[in-house]
């Protein structure tokens, strides 16, 4: 699976009940978002406040996404429900 497909799948399977906000880390910037819409090749994200140029929304190709930071405390079990695992190297985490 390529990076674009992985990020599209992640956002399309966003854990139910989890706030749809965080910080999108892309190859050219990091910016907070409070809502998003997914497309086939790009994601639309909304900011609560404008950036330094006055923009409140952005459309970003999935290929540009480097990561997502979460600004809310989210229980690990939420991510296990969408396919994340502790793996064999972390038995203490799996027991929690």
Foldseek 3Di string as FASTA:
>chain_A
DDQLVVQLLCLVPPQPPDFQWFWWDFPVDIGIFRHWDGDPFWIKTAAPAADPVGDGIDIGGSVGTDDTGHPDDDDPVSVVVVPDDPDPVCVVVVVD
